[in-house]
Amino acid sequence: HQNIRLVNLELLQQFGANAWKLGNFQKERMLAAIEKATDGYRQTGVDLNKARKYEQVEAGVKLRDLESRWEEGVRQCIEIQVANCELLAEILKLEHGIANRTE
């Protein structure tokens, strides 16, 4: 048992530092790859949010345009109804005037 321990200690002294450095190097490369992937996903999220915001702004402009067109249509309908009522009142007035003359 003690012999095996001594052999292990000798191997550790001979190769341990290099194995440690190699392990650290591999972990640093993995970390760099993870950071690169994270940056890519972050940029994808930013681009997606920009596109979504642009679409929402465009939809807002279109909605405001449609709302103003609707309001204009309602205003025109009201104006037509008012004009119609005025014409109807004028027709009744004229009919009443004609009826008074014939009597």
N, C-alpha and C. Protein backbone atom coordinates (compact mmCIF):
# COMPACT_ATOMS: atom_id res chain seq x y z
N HIS A 1 0.84 -1.19 0.00
CA HIS A 1 0.00 0.00 0.00
C HIS A 1 0.89 1.26 0.00
N GLN A 2 1.89 1.26 0.88
CA GLN A 2 2.78 2.41 0.96
C GLN A 2 3.56 2.59 -0.34
N ASN A 3 3.91 1.49 -0.98
CA ASN A 3 4.62 1.55 -2.26
C ASN A 3 3.75 2.23 -3.33
N ILE A 4 2.49 1.86 -3.36
CA ILE A 4 1.57 2.44 -4.34
C ILE A 4 1.42 3.93 -4.07
N ARG A 5 1.36 4.30 -2.80
CA ARG A 5 1.24 5.72 -2.45
C ARG A 5 2.47 6.50 -2.91
N LEU A 6 3.63 5.91 -2.70
CA LEU A 6 4.87 6.57 -3.14
C LEU A 6 4.90 6.73 -4.66
N VAL A 7 4.46 5.70 -5.38
CA VAL A 7 4.42 5.77 -6.85
C VAL A 7 3.44 6.87 -7.27
N ASN A 8 2.30 6.92 -6.62
CA ASN A 8 1.31 7.96 -6.94
C ASN A 8 1.87 9.36 -6.67
N LEU A 9 2.56 9.52 -5.57
CA LEU A 9 3.16 10.83 -5.26
C LEU A 9 4.21 11.21 -6.29
N GLU A 10 5.02 10.23 -6.71
CA GLU A 10 6.02 10.51 -7.73
C GLU A 10 5.37 10.90 -9.05
N LEU A 11 4.28 10.19 -9.43
CA LEU A 11 3.55 10.52 -10.66
C LEU A 11 2.93 11.92 -10.55
N LEU A 12 2.41 12.22 -9.36
CA LEU A 12 1.81 13.53 -9.15
C LEU A 12 2.86 14.62 -9.28
N GLN A 13 4.03 14.41 -8.72
CA GLN A 13 5.10 15.40 -8.83
C GLN A 13 5.57 15.56 -10.27
N GLN A 14 5.59 14.45 -10.98
CA GLN A 14 6.11 14.49 -12.34
C GLN A 14 5.08 15.08 -13.32
N PHE A 15 3.82 14.68 -13.19
CA PHE A 15 2.82 15.06 -14.19
C PHE A 15 1.68 15.94 -13.64
N GLY A 16 1.65 16.13 -12.34
CA GLY A 16 0.53 16.84 -11.73
C GLY A 16 0.37 18.28 -12.20
N ALA A 17 1.46 19.01 -12.26
CA ALA A 17 1.39 20.42 -12.67
C ALA A 17 0.87 20.54 -14.09
N ASN A 18 1.39 19.70 -14.98
CA ASN A 18 0.93 19.76 -16.38
C ASN A 18 -0.53 19.34 -16.49
N ALA A 19 -0.93 18.32 -15.73
CA ALA A 19 -2.33 17.89 -15.76
C ALA A 19 -3.23 19.01 -15.24
N TRP A 20 -2.77 19.69 -14.21
CA TRP A 20 -3.54 20.82 -13.65
C TRP A 20 -3.67 21.95 -14.69
N LYS A 21 -2.55 22.28 -15.33
CA LYS A 21 -2.57 23.33 -16.35
C LYS A 21 -3.46 22.94 -17.53
N LEU A 22 -3.37 21.69 -17.95
CA LEU A 22 -4.20 21.21 -19.05
C LEU A 22 -5.68 21.29 -18.68
N GLY A 23 -6.01 20.88 -17.47
CA GLY A 23 -7.41 20.95 -17.00
C GLY A 23 -7.90 22.39 -16.98
N ASN A 24 -7.05 23.30 -16.47
CA ASN A 24 -7.43 24.72 -16.46
C ASN A 24 -7.62 25.26 -17.88
N PHE A 25 -6.72 24.87 -18.79
CA PHE A 25 -6.83 25.31 -20.17
C PHE A 25 -8.15 24.84 -20.80
N GLN A 26 -8.48 23.58 -20.56
CA GLN A 26 -9.73 23.03 -21.10
C GLN A 26 -10.95 23.75 -20.52
N LYS A 27 -10.89 24.04 -19.22
CA LYS A 27 -12.01 24.75 -18.59
C LYS A 27 -12.13 26.17 -19.11
N GLU A 28 -10.99 26.83 -19.36
CA GLU A 28 -11.03 28.18 -19.92
C GLU A 28 -11.61 28.18 -21.33
N ARG A 29 -11.28 27.17 -22.13
CA ARG A 29 -11.84 27.07 -23.48
C ARG A 29 -13.35 26.81 -23.42
N MET A 30 -13.78 25.96 -22.49
CA MET A 30 -15.21 25.71 -22.33
C MET A 30 -15.93 26.99 -21.91
N LEU A 31 -15.31 27.72 -20.97
CA LEU A 31 -15.90 28.98 -20.51
C LEU A 31 -16.01 29.98 -21.66
N ALA A 32 -14.96 30.08 -22.47
CA ALA A 32 -14.99 30.99 -23.62
C ALA A 32 -16.09 30.59 -24.60
N ALA A 33 -16.25 29.29 -24.84
CA ALA A 33 -17.30 28.83 -25.76
C ALA A 33 -18.68 29.15 -25.18
N ILE A 34 -18.85 28.96 -23.89
CA ILE A 34 -20.14 29.25 -23.24
C ILE A 34 -20.43 30.75 -23.31
N GLU A 35 -19.40 31.58 -23.05
CA GLU A 35 -19.59 33.03 -23.12
C GLU A 35 -19.93 33.48 -24.54
N LYS A 36 -19.29 32.87 -25.53
CA LYS A 36 -19.57 33.21 -26.92
C LYS A 36 -21.01 32.84 -27.27
N ALA A 37 -21.43 31.64 -26.86
CA ALA A 37 -22.81 31.22 -27.13
C ALA A 37 -23.80 32.13 -26.41
N THR A 38 -23.47 32.51 -25.17
CA THR A 38 -24.35 33.40 -24.40
C THR A 38 -24.47 34.75 -25.09
N ASP A 39 -23.35 35.29 -25.57
CA ASP A 39 -23.38 36.57 -26.30
C ASP A 39 -24.23 36.45 -27.56
N GLY A 40 -24.10 35.32 -28.26
CA GLY A 40 -24.91 35.11 -29.46
C GLY A 40 -26.39 35.08 -29.13
N TYR A 41 -26.76 34.36 -28.07
CA TYR A 41 -28.17 34.29 -27.67
C TYR A 41 -28.66 35.66 -27.20
N ARG A 42 -27.81 36.38 -26.49
CA ARG A 42 -28.19 37.71 -26.03
C ARG A 42 -28.45 38.63 -27.22
N GLN A 43 -27.56 38.59 -28.22
CA GLN A 43 -27.73 39.42 -29.40
C GLN A 43 -28.99 39.02 -30.17
N THR A 44 -29.25 37.72 -30.23
CA THR A 44 -30.47 37.25 -30.89
C THR A 44 -31.69 37.80 -30.17
N GLY A 45 -31.66 37.80 -28.85
CA GLY A 45 -32.77 38.35 -28.07
C GLY A 45 -32.94 39.84 -28.30
N VAL A 46 -31.84 40.57 -28.36
CA VAL A 46 -31.90 42.01 -28.61
C VAL A 46 -32.48 42.28 -30.00
N ASP A 47 -32.01 41.52 -31.00
CA ASP A 47 -32.52 41.70 -32.36
C ASP A 47 -34.01 41.37 -32.43
N LEU A 48 -34.41 40.31 -31.75
CA LEU A 48 -35.83 39.92 -31.72
C LEU A 48 -36.67 41.00 -31.06
N ASN A 49 -36.19 41.56 -29.97
CA ASN A 49 -36.93 42.63 -29.29
C ASN A 49 -37.02 43.88 -30.16
N LYS A 50 -35.96 44.20 -30.89
CA LYS A 50 -36.00 45.35 -31.80
C LYS A 50 -37.03 45.13 -32.89
N ALA A 51 -37.03 43.93 -33.47
CA ALA A 51 -38.00 43.62 -34.53
C ALA A 51 -39.42 43.67 -33.99
N ARG A 52 -39.63 43.14 -32.79
CA ARG A 52 -40.96 43.15 -32.18
C ARG A 52 -41.41 44.58 -31.90
N LYS A 53 -40.50 45.40 -31.40
CA LYS A 53 -40.84 46.80 -31.13
C LYS A 53 -41.19 47.53 -32.42
N TYR A 54 -40.41 47.29 -33.47
CA TYR A 54 -40.69 47.92 -34.76
C TYR A 54 -42.08 47.54 -35.27
N GLU A 55 -42.39 46.23 -35.17
CA GLU A 55 -43.71 45.77 -35.61
C GLU A 55 -44.81 46.40 -34.78
N GLN A 56 -44.60 46.54 -33.48
CA GLN A 56 -45.62 47.14 -32.63
C GLN A 56 -45.80 48.62 -32.94
N VAL A 57 -44.70 49.32 -33.21
CA VAL A 57 -44.80 50.74 -33.56
C VAL A 57 -45.56 50.88 -34.89
N GLU A 58 -45.21 50.03 -35.85
CA GLU A 58 -45.91 50.08 -37.15
C GLU A 58 -47.39 49.76 -36.98
N ALA A 59 -47.71 48.78 -36.14
CA ALA A 59 -49.11 48.44 -35.90
C ALA A 59 -49.82 49.60 -35.22
N GLY A 60 -49.12 50.30 -34.32
CA GLY A 60 -49.71 51.47 -33.66
C GLY A 60 -50.03 52.57 -34.65
N VAL A 61 -49.13 52.80 -35.58
CA VAL A 61 -49.36 53.82 -36.61
C VAL A 61 -50.58 53.42 -37.45
N LYS A 62 -50.63 52.15 -37.83
CA LYS A 62 -51.76 51.69 -38.64
C LYS A 62 -53.07 51.80 -37.86
N LEU A 63 -53.04 51.44 -36.57
CA LEU A 63 -54.25 51.55 -35.75
C LEU A 63 -54.71 53.00 -35.62
N ARG A 64 -53.76 53.92 -35.41
CA ARG A 64 -54.13 55.33 -35.32
C ARG A 64 -54.74 55.83 -36.64
N ASP A 65 -54.17 55.38 -37.76
CA ASP A 65 -54.70 55.75 -39.06
C ASP A 65 -56.13 55.22 -39.23
N LEU A 66 -56.32 53.95 -38.89
CA LEU A 66 -57.65 53.36 -39.01
C LEU A 66 -58.64 54.05 -38.08
N GLU A 67 -58.18 54.39 -36.88
CA GLU A 67 -59.06 55.08 -35.93
C GLU A 67 -59.46 56.45 -36.46
N SER A 68 -58.52 57.18 -37.03
CA SER A 68 -58.86 58.51 -37.57
C SER A 68 -59.80 58.38 -38.76
N ARG A 69 -59.59 57.34 -39.60
CA ARG A 69 -60.51 57.13 -40.72
C ARG A 69 -61.91 56.77 -40.21
N TRP A 70 -61.98 55.96 -39.17
CA TRP A 70 -63.27 55.59 -38.58
C TRP A 70 -63.97 56.84 -38.03
N GLU A 71 -63.20 57.65 -37.29
CA GLU A 71 -63.77 58.88 -36.73
C GLU A 71 -64.28 59.80 -37.84
N GLU A 72 -63.52 59.90 -38.91
CA GLU A 72 -63.93 60.73 -40.05
C GLU A 72 -65.22 60.18 -40.66
N GLY A 73 -65.32 58.87 -40.79
CA GLY A 73 -66.54 58.26 -41.32
C GLY A 73 -67.74 58.51 -40.43
N VAL A 74 -67.54 58.39 -39.10
CA VAL A 74 -68.62 58.66 -38.16
C VAL A 74 -69.03 60.13 -38.25
N ARG A 75 -68.06 61.03 -38.33
CA ARG A 75 -68.35 62.46 -38.44
C ARG A 75 -69.15 62.75 -39.71
N GLN A 76 -68.76 62.13 -40.81
CA GLN A 76 -69.48 62.33 -42.06
C GLN A 76 -70.91 61.80 -41.97
N CYS A 77 -71.09 60.65 -41.33
CA CYS A 77 -72.43 60.09 -41.15
C CYS A 77 -73.30 61.04 -40.33
N ILE A 78 -72.72 61.61 -39.28
CA ILE A 78 -73.48 62.55 -38.45
C ILE A 78 -73.85 63.79 -39.26
N GLU A 79 -72.88 64.28 -40.04
CA GLU A 79 -73.16 65.45 -40.88
C GLU A 79 -74.27 65.15 -41.88
N ILE A 80 -74.26 63.97 -42.46
CA ILE A 80 -75.30 63.57 -43.41
C ILE A 80 -76.64 63.48 -42.71
N GLN A 81 -76.66 62.92 -41.50
CA GLN A 81 -77.91 62.82 -40.75
C GLN A 81 -78.45 64.21 -40.40
N VAL A 82 -77.58 65.12 -40.01
CA VAL A 82 -78.01 66.48 -39.70
C VAL A 82 -78.55 67.15 -40.96
N ALA A 83 -77.84 67.01 -42.08
CA ALA A 83 -78.30 67.61 -43.34
C ALA A 83 -79.63 66.99 -43.76
N ASN A 84 -79.76 65.68 -43.56
CA ASN A 84 -81.00 65.00 -43.89
C ASN A 84 -82.16 65.54 -43.05
N CYS A 85 -81.92 65.73 -41.76
CA CYS A 85 -82.96 66.28 -40.88
C CYS A 85 -83.32 67.71 -41.29
N GLU A 86 -82.31 68.50 -41.67
CA GLU A 86 -82.57 69.87 -42.11
C GLU A 86 -83.41 69.88 -43.39
N LEU A 87 -83.04 68.98 -44.32
CA LEU A 87 -83.81 68.90 -45.57
C LEU A 87 -85.23 68.42 -45.31
N LEU A 88 -85.37 67.45 -44.41
CA LEU A 88 -86.70 66.95 -44.06
C LEU A 88 -87.54 68.07 -43.44
N ALA A 89 -86.93 68.88 -42.57
CA ALA A 89 -87.64 70.00 -41.95
C ALA A 89 -88.03 71.02 -43.01
N GLU A 90 -87.13 71.26 -43.97
CA GLU A 90 -87.43 72.21 -45.04
C GLU A 90 -88.56 71.69 -45.93
N ILE A 91 -88.52 70.38 -46.23
CA ILE A 91 -89.59 69.77 -47.03
C ILE A 91 -90.92 69.91 -46.32
N LEU A 92 -90.93 69.60 -45.02
CA LEU A 92 -92.18 69.74 -44.24
C LEU A 92 -92.66 71.18 -44.22
N LYS A 93 -91.73 72.10 -44.11
CA LYS A 93 -92.07 73.52 -44.10
C LYS A 93 -92.68 73.93 -45.44
N LEU A 94 -92.04 73.45 -46.54
CA LEU A 94 -92.56 73.76 -47.87
C LEU A 94 -93.93 73.12 -48.10
N GLU A 95 -94.06 71.86 -47.66
CA GLU A 95 -95.35 71.19 -47.80
C GLU A 95 -96.42 71.91 -46.99
N HIS A 96 -96.06 72.37 -45.83
CA HIS A 96 -97.00 73.10 -44.98
C HIS A 96 -97.37 74.43 -45.63
N GLY A 97 -96.41 75.08 -46.27
CA GLY A 97 -96.66 76.34 -46.98
C GLY A 97 -97.57 76.11 -48.18
N ILE A 98 -97.36 75.02 -48.92
CA ILE A 98 -98.21 74.72 -50.07
C ILE A 98 -99.62 74.39 -49.60
N ALA A 99 -99.70 73.67 -48.51
CA ALA A 99 -101.03 73.31 -47.99
C ALA A 99 -101.76 74.56 -47.53
N ASN A 100 -101.08 75.52 -46.99
CA ASN A 100 -101.71 76.77 -46.53
C ASN A 100 -102.19 77.60 -47.72
N ARG A 101 -101.47 77.57 -48.84
CA ARG A 101 -101.85 78.37 -50.01
C ARG A 101 -103.09 77.79 -50.70
N THR A 102 -103.16 76.48 -50.68
CA THR A 102 -104.29 75.85 -51.37
C THR A 102 -105.57 75.96 -50.57
N GLU A 103 -105.48 76.27 -49.36
CA GLU A 103 -106.68 76.36 -48.54
C GLU A 103 -107.34 77.65 -48.66
